[in-house]
Amino acid sequence: MKVSKKYSKSLENKWVTRFMTIHPDGDDCDGVLLDVKRSFLVIKEARDFEFDGTVIFPKRVVRGCRDSRFEQCYNSIIRSNGQINNLVFPDWILKCSSIRDVVDQLKNHNIWPGIEIIFDEGKRSAFYLGTILETREHSFSINCYDAAGKWEKIYDLEYDEVFRIEFDSKYCNHFGDYMKVHNQEEALA
């Protein structure tokens, strides 16, 4: 089956598909395709038979889709456990037509995302968590914290380096909420 038909099946039938990527560590994403834009895909990620967060992938990083007996079983389970009814996502994303639009909207809605980039000719990746401070024509700045809950620094990232943008996941939400309180405590000290 062609990739476009797999996209249509996922989108129209709320069908979990495995999206295979060019990530240097071989990371793939299981989920339901929520929207297909000219330059990116919007996916409701599925982990452990539950939906958790929305992921944006530039089309250039998706190398294919798998829709096999494994996905058939996965889809049977999420229909059985009722997770198929949890496919909500914000309307603002439908108005976005570029990765920059997505980053602008994250900033405007004060959503603290996780953003992963690929660099060093596709051999390495880095994951940034934090708040978007500024968007520019070709880049944006993000104030980041590390996995130990410490504020790191402000990074300038290029839109064309973005591998994926994650938001509204348990990881991003819980960590972001903690850091917002932690940030206020630091400001008061």
C-alpha atoms as a PDB file:
ATOM      1  CA  MET A   1       0.000   0.000   0.000  1.00  0.00           C
ATOM      2  CA  LYS A   2       1.344   3.452  -0.918  1.00  0.00           C
ATOM      3  CA  VAL A   3       2.262   5.901   1.834  1.00  0.00           C
ATOM      4  CA  SER A   4      -0.529   8.272   0.785  1.00  0.00           C
ATOM      5  CA  LYS A   5      -3.097   5.473   1.194  1.00  0.00           C
ATOM      6  CA  LYS A   6      -1.691   4.637   4.637  1.00  0.00           C
ATOM      7  CA  TYR A   7      -1.966   8.329   5.551  1.00  0.00           C
ATOM      8  CA  SER A   8      -5.594   8.363   4.384  1.00  0.00           C
ATOM      9  CA  LYS A   9      -6.405   5.168   6.296  1.00  0.00           C
ATOM     10  CA  SER A  10      -4.915   6.558   9.510  1.00  0.00           C
ATOM     11  CA  LEU A  11      -6.598   9.938   9.101  1.00  0.00           C
ATOM     12  CA  GLU A  12     -10.045   8.776   8.008  1.00  0.00           C
ATOM     13  CA  ASN A  13     -10.363   5.630  10.148  1.00  0.00           C
ATOM     14  CA  LYS A  14      -8.558   6.882  13.281  1.00  0.00           C
ATOM     15  CA  TRP A  15      -6.080   4.075  12.662  1.00  0.00           C
ATOM     16  CA  VAL A  16      -2.828   3.731  14.597  1.00  0.00           C
ATOM     17  CA  THR A  17       0.075   3.432  12.176  1.00  0.00           C
ATOM     18  CA  ARG A  18       3.817   3.228  12.777  1.00  0.00           C
ATOM     19  CA  PHE A  19       5.574   6.254  11.285  1.00  0.00           C
ATOM     20  CA  MET A  20       9.202   5.355  10.556  1.00  0.00           C
ATOM     21  CA  THR A  21      11.703   8.200  10.682  1.00  0.00           C
ATOM     22  CA  ILE A  22      15.264   9.089   9.767  1.00  0.00           C
ATOM     23  CA  HIS A  23      16.215   9.518  13.450  1.00  0.00           C
ATOM     24  CA  PRO A  24      19.861   8.513  14.055  1.00  0.00           C
ATOM     25  CA  ASP A  25      18.768   6.151  16.864  1.00  0.00           C
ATOM     26  CA  GLY A  26      16.015   4.620  14.725  1.00  0.00           C
ATOM     27  CA  ASP A  27      13.164   6.186  16.714  1.00  0.00           C
ATOM     28  CA  ASP A  28       9.731   5.644  15.216  1.00  0.00           C
ATOM     29  CA  CYS A  29       6.308   6.915  16.297  1.00  0.00           C
ATOM     30  CA  ASP A  30       3.073   5.010  16.694  1.00  0.00           C
ATOM     31  CA  GLY A  31      -0.052   7.085  16.409  1.00  0.00           C
ATOM     32  CA  VAL A  32      -3.084   8.315  14.541  1.00  0.00           C
ATOM     33  CA  LEU A  33      -2.585  10.898  11.830  1.00  0.00           C
ATOM     34  CA  LEU A  34      -4.675  13.956  12.704  1.00  0.00           C
ATOM     35  CA  ASP A  35      -3.725  16.240   9.819  1.00  0.00           C
ATOM     36  CA  VAL A  36      -1.477  16.318   6.774  1.00  0.00           C
ATOM     37  CA  LYS A  37      -0.016  19.687   5.855  1.00  0.00           C
ATOM     38  CA  ARG A  38       2.136  20.572   2.876  1.00  0.00           C
ATOM     39  CA  SER A  39       5.351  20.298   4.911  1.00  0.00           C
ATOM     40  CA  PHE A  40       4.457  18.394   8.098  1.00  0.00           C
ATOM     41  CA  LEU A  41       2.317  15.716   9.726  1.00  0.00           C
ATOM     42  CA  VAL A  42       0.276  16.065  12.921  1.00  0.00           C
ATOM     43  CA  ILE A  43       0.107  12.802  14.876  1.00  0.00           C
ATOM     44  CA  LYS A  44      -1.622  11.869  18.126  1.00  0.00           C
ATOM     45  CA  GLU A  45       1.058   9.645  19.637  1.00  0.00           C
ATOM     46  CA  ALA A  46       0.117   6.272  21.102  1.00  0.00           C
ATOM     47  CA  ARG A  47       2.164   4.615  23.848  1.00  0.00           C
ATOM     48  CA  ASP A  48       1.247   1.559  25.864  1.00  0.00           C
ATOM     49  CA  PHE A  49      -2.207   1.447  24.245  1.00  0.00           C
ATOM     50  CA  GLU A  50      -3.054   5.003  25.282  1.00  0.00           C
ATOM     51  CA  PHE A  51      -2.836   8.340  23.488  1.00  0.00           C
ATOM     52  CA  ASP A  52      -0.283  10.711  24.962  1.00  0.00           C
ATOM     53  CA  GLY A  53       0.520  14.018  23.355  1.00  0.00           C
ATOM     54  CA  THR A  54       0.610  15.481  19.899  1.00  0.00           C
ATOM     55  CA  VAL A  55       3.701  15.211  17.729  1.00  0.00           C
ATOM     56  CA  ILE A  56       4.581  17.276  14.669  1.00  0.00           C
ATOM     57  CA  PHE A  57       7.003  15.745  12.168  1.00  0.00           C
ATOM     58  CA  PRO A  58       8.317  17.593   9.118  1.00  0.00           C
ATOM     59  CA  LYS A  59       7.512  15.341   6.155  1.00  0.00           C
ATOM     60  CA  ARG A  60      11.196  15.167   5.248  1.00  0.00           C
ATOM     61  CA  VAL A  61      11.945  13.098   8.390  1.00  0.00           C
ATOM     62  CA  VAL A  62       9.276  10.420   7.804  1.00  0.00           C
ATOM     63  CA  ARG A  63      10.675   7.635   5.628  1.00  0.00           C
ATOM     64  CA  GLY A  64       7.630   5.395   5.585  1.00  0.00           C
ATOM     65  CA  CYS A  65       4.682   3.849   7.413  1.00  0.00           C
ATOM     66  CA  ARG A  66       3.951   0.390   8.676  1.00  0.00           C
ATOM     67  CA  ASP A  67       0.422  -0.980   8.791  1.00  0.00           C
ATOM     68  CA  SER A  68       0.740  -4.685   9.557  1.00  0.00           C
ATOM     69  CA  ARG A  69      -0.749  -7.328  11.840  1.00  0.00           C
ATOM     70  CA  PHE A  70       0.936  -5.542  14.767  1.00  0.00           C
ATOM     71  CA  GLU A  71      -0.996  -2.347  14.068  1.00  0.00           C
ATOM     72  CA  GLN A  72      -4.160  -4.419  13.545  1.00  0.00           C
ATOM     73  CA  CYS A  73      -3.766  -5.776  17.089  1.00  0.00           C
ATOM     74  CA  TYR A  74      -2.918  -2.324  18.469  1.00  0.00           C
ATOM     75  CA  ASN A  75      -6.050  -0.862  16.916  1.00  0.00           C
ATOM     76  CA  SER A  76      -8.192  -3.673  18.311  1.00  0.00           C
ATOM     77  CA  ILE A  77      -6.842  -2.958  21.798  1.00  0.00           C
ATOM     78  CA  ILE A  78      -7.400   0.825  21.703  1.00  0.00           C
ATOM     79  CA  ARG A  79     -10.930   0.272  20.494  1.00  0.00           C
ATOM     80  CA  SER A  80     -11.505  -2.279  23.242  1.00  0.00           C
ATOM     81  CA  ASN A  81     -10.111  -0.057  26.036  1.00  0.00           C
ATOM     82  CA  GLY A  82     -11.914   3.080  24.802  1.00  0.00           C
ATOM     83  CA  GLN A  83      -8.780   5.070  24.006  1.00  0.00           C
ATOM     84  CA  ILE A  84      -9.990   5.652  20.452  1.00  0.00           C
ATOM     85  CA  ASN A  85     -12.408   8.190  21.952  1.00  0.00           C
ATOM     86  CA  ASN A  86      -9.507  10.324  23.276  1.00  0.00           C
ATOM     87  CA  LEU A  87      -8.347  11.820  19.976  1.00  0.00           C
ATOM     88  CA  VAL A  88      -8.701  15.494  20.836  1.00  0.00           C
ATOM     89  CA  PHE A  89      -6.253  18.166  19.797  1.00  0.00           C
ATOM     90  CA  PRO A  90      -6.286  21.960  19.697  1.00  0.00           C
ATOM     91  CA  ASP A  91      -8.045  23.686  16.806  1.00  0.00           C
ATOM     92  CA  TRP A  92      -5.231  26.222  16.452  1.00  0.00           C
ATOM     93  CA  ILE A  93      -3.035  23.602  14.843  1.00  0.00           C
ATOM     94  CA  LEU A  94      -5.402  23.381  11.868  1.00  0.00           C
ATOM     95  CA  LYS A  95      -4.531  26.998  11.033  1.00  0.00           C
ATOM     96  CA  CYS A  96      -0.784  26.280  10.885  1.00  0.00           C
ATOM     97  CA  SER A  97       0.865  25.771   7.517  1.00  0.00           C
ATOM     98  CA  SER A  98       4.544  25.647   8.509  1.00  0.00           C
ATOM     99  CA  ILE A  99       6.781  24.609  11.380  1.00  0.00           C
ATOM    100  CA  ARG A 100       7.246  28.298  12.118  1.00  0.00           C
ATOM    101  CA  ASP A 101       3.452  28.707  12.444  1.00  0.00           C
ATOM    102  CA  VAL A 102       3.409  25.818  14.947  1.00  0.00           C
ATOM    103  CA  VAL A 103       6.224  27.386  16.999  1.00  0.00           C
ATOM    104  CA  ASP A 104       4.470  30.789  16.857  1.00  0.00           C
ATOM    105  CA  GLN A 105       1.263  29.227  18.165  1.00  0.00           C
ATOM    106  CA  LEU A 106       3.070  27.365  20.942  1.00  0.00           C
ATOM    107  CA  LYS A 107       4.533  30.698  22.028  1.00  0.00           C
ATOM    108  CA  ASN A 108       1.186  32.529  21.741  1.00  0.00           C
ATOM    109  CA  HIS A 109      -0.638  29.859  23.773  1.00  0.00           C
ATOM    110  CA  ASN A 110       2.170  29.595  26.364  1.00  0.00           C
ATOM    111  CA  ILE A 111       2.576  25.879  25.653  1.00  0.00           C
ATOM    112  CA  TRP A 112       5.957  24.527  26.739  1.00  0.00           C
ATOM    113  CA  PRO A 113       6.961  21.903  24.167  1.00  0.00           C
ATOM    114  CA  GLY A 114       9.690  19.366  23.727  1.00  0.00           C
ATOM    115  CA  ILE A 115      11.565  20.008  20.491  1.00  0.00           C
ATOM    116  CA  GLU A 116      14.066  17.584  19.040  1.00  0.00           C
ATOM    117  CA  ILE A 117      16.541  18.547  16.355  1.00  0.00           C
ATOM    118  CA  ILE A 118      18.871  16.504  14.180  1.00  0.00           C
ATOM    119  CA  PHE A 119      22.310  17.869  13.389  1.00  0.00           C
ATOM    120  CA  ASP A 120      25.852  16.808  12.448  1.00  0.00           C
ATOM    121  CA  GLU A 121      24.682  15.617   9.015  1.00  0.00           C
ATOM    122  CA  GLY A 122      21.905  13.530  10.550  1.00  0.00           C
ATOM    123  CA  LYS A 123      24.182  11.634  12.925  1.00  0.00           C
ATOM    124  CA  ARG A 124      23.140  13.254  16.215  1.00  0.00           C
ATOM    125  CA  SER A 125      20.049  14.605  17.907  1.00  0.00           C
ATOM    126  CA  ALA A 126      19.251  16.853  20.871  1.00  0.00           C
ATOM    127  CA  PHE A 127      15.999  17.310  22.784  1.00  0.00           C
ATOM    128  CA  TYR A 128      15.025  20.704  24.236  1.00  0.00           C
ATOM    129  CA  LEU A 129      12.288  21.343  26.808  1.00  0.00           C
ATOM    130  CA  GLY A 130      11.130  24.809  27.721  1.00  0.00           C
ATOM    131  CA  THR A 131       9.341  27.923  26.707  1.00  0.00           C
ATOM    132  CA  ILE A 132       9.516  29.612  23.314  1.00  0.00           C
ATOM    133  CA  LEU A 133      10.841  33.142  23.783  1.00  0.00           C
ATOM    134  CA  GLU A 134      11.060  34.524  20.268  1.00  0.00           C
ATOM    135  CA  THR A 135      10.384  33.462  16.695  1.00  0.00           C
ATOM    136  CA  ARG A 136      12.203  34.823  13.681  1.00  0.00           C
ATOM    137  CA  GLU A 137      12.126  34.132   9.957  1.00  0.00           C
ATOM    138  CA  HIS A 138      14.488  31.122  10.004  1.00  0.00           C
ATOM    139  CA  SER A 139      14.971  30.392  13.698  1.00  0.00           C
ATOM    140  CA  PHE A 140      13.518  30.656  17.192  1.00  0.00           C
ATOM    141  CA  SER A 141      14.810  30.813  20.736  1.00  0.00           C
ATOM    142  CA  ILE A 142      13.786  28.492  23.536  1.00  0.00           C
ATOM    143  CA  ASN A 143      14.614  28.854  27.232  1.00  0.00           C
ATOM    144  CA  CYS A 144      15.480  25.283  28.244  1.00  0.00           C
ATOM    145  CA  TYR A 145      15.660  23.191  31.348  1.00  0.00           C
ATOM    146  CA  ASP A 146      17.491  19.908  31.637  1.00  0.00           C
ATOM    147  CA  ALA A 147      16.375  16.444  32.724  1.00  0.00           C
ATOM    148  CA  ALA A 148      17.468  17.253  36.300  1.00  0.00           C
ATOM    149  CA  GLY A 149      14.994  20.169  36.529  1.00  0.00           C
ATOM    150  CA  LYS A 150      17.627  22.897  36.254  1.00  0.00           C
ATOM    151  CA  TRP A 151      17.356  25.874  33.953  1.00  0.00           C
ATOM    152  CA  GLU A 152      20.093  25.561  31.340  1.00  0.00           C
ATOM    153  CA  LYS A 153      20.163  28.464  28.925  1.00  0.00           C
ATOM    154  CA  ILE A 154      18.509  29.995  25.905  1.00  0.00           C
ATOM    155  CA  TYR A 155      19.130  28.141  22.650  1.00  0.00           C
ATOM    156  CA  ASP A 156      18.627  29.434  19.128  1.00  0.00           C
ATOM    157  CA  LEU A 157      17.346  26.680  16.856  1.00  0.00           C
ATOM    158  CA  GLU A 158      16.754  26.637  13.119  1.00  0.00           C
ATOM    159  CA  TYR A 159      13.371  25.522  11.791  1.00  0.00           C
ATOM    160  CA  ASP A 160      15.058  23.303   9.207  1.00  0.00           C
ATOM    161  CA  GLU A 161      16.827  21.358  12.000  1.00  0.00           C
ATOM    162  CA  VAL A 162      13.554  20.386  13.697  1.00  0.00           C
ATOM    163  CA  PHE A 163      12.978  16.640  13.762  1.00  0.00           C
ATOM    164  CA  ARG A 164       9.859  16.702  15.934  1.00  0.00           C
ATOM    165  CA  ILE A 165       7.785  18.927  18.164  1.00  0.00           C
ATOM    166  CA  GLU A 166       5.949  17.314  21.075  1.00  0.00           C
ATOM    167  CA  PHE A 167       3.320  18.939  23.270  1.00  0.00           C
ATOM    168  CA  ASP A 168       0.451  17.994  25.530  1.00  0.00           C
ATOM    169  CA  SER A 169       2.165  14.752  26.557  1.00  0.00           C
ATOM    170  CA  LYS A 170       2.304  13.659  30.182  1.00  0.00           C
ATOM    171  CA  TYR A 171       6.076  14.193  30.117  1.00  0.00           C
ATOM    172  CA  CYS A 172       5.923  17.749  28.753  1.00  0.00           C
ATOM    173  CA  ASN A 173       2.903  18.761  30.842  1.00  0.00           C
ATOM    174  CA  HIS A 174       4.082  17.417  34.202  1.00  0.00           C
ATOM    175  CA  PHE A 175       7.655  18.628  33.764  1.00  0.00           C
ATOM    176  CA  GLY A 176       6.527  22.012  32.416  1.00  0.00           C
ATOM    177  CA  ASP A 177       4.102  22.555  35.309  1.00  0.00           C
ATOM    178  CA  TYR A 178       6.871  21.733  37.782  1.00  0.00           C
ATOM    179  CA  MET A 179       9.291  24.125  36.076  1.00  0.00           C
ATOM    180  CA  LYS A 180       6.735  26.953  35.980  1.00  0.00           C
ATOM    181  CA  VAL A 181       6.435  26.727  39.783  1.00  0.00           C
ATOM    182  CA  HIS A 182      10.194  26.205  40.141  1.00  0.00           C
ATOM    183  CA  ASN A 183      10.789  29.265  37.936  1.00  0.00           C
ATOM    184  CA  GLN A 184       8.525  31.410  40.140  1.00  0.00           C
ATOM    185  CA  GLU A 185      10.298  30.203  43.284  1.00  0.00           C
ATOM    186  CA  GLU A 186      13.685  31.120  41.769  1.00  0.00           C
ATOM    187  CA  ALA A 187      12.374  34.545  40.784  1.00  0.00           C
ATOM    188  CA  LEU A 188      11.189  35.222  44.346  1.00  0.00           C
ATOM    189  CA  ALA A 189      14.500  34.158  45.924  1.00  0.00           C
END
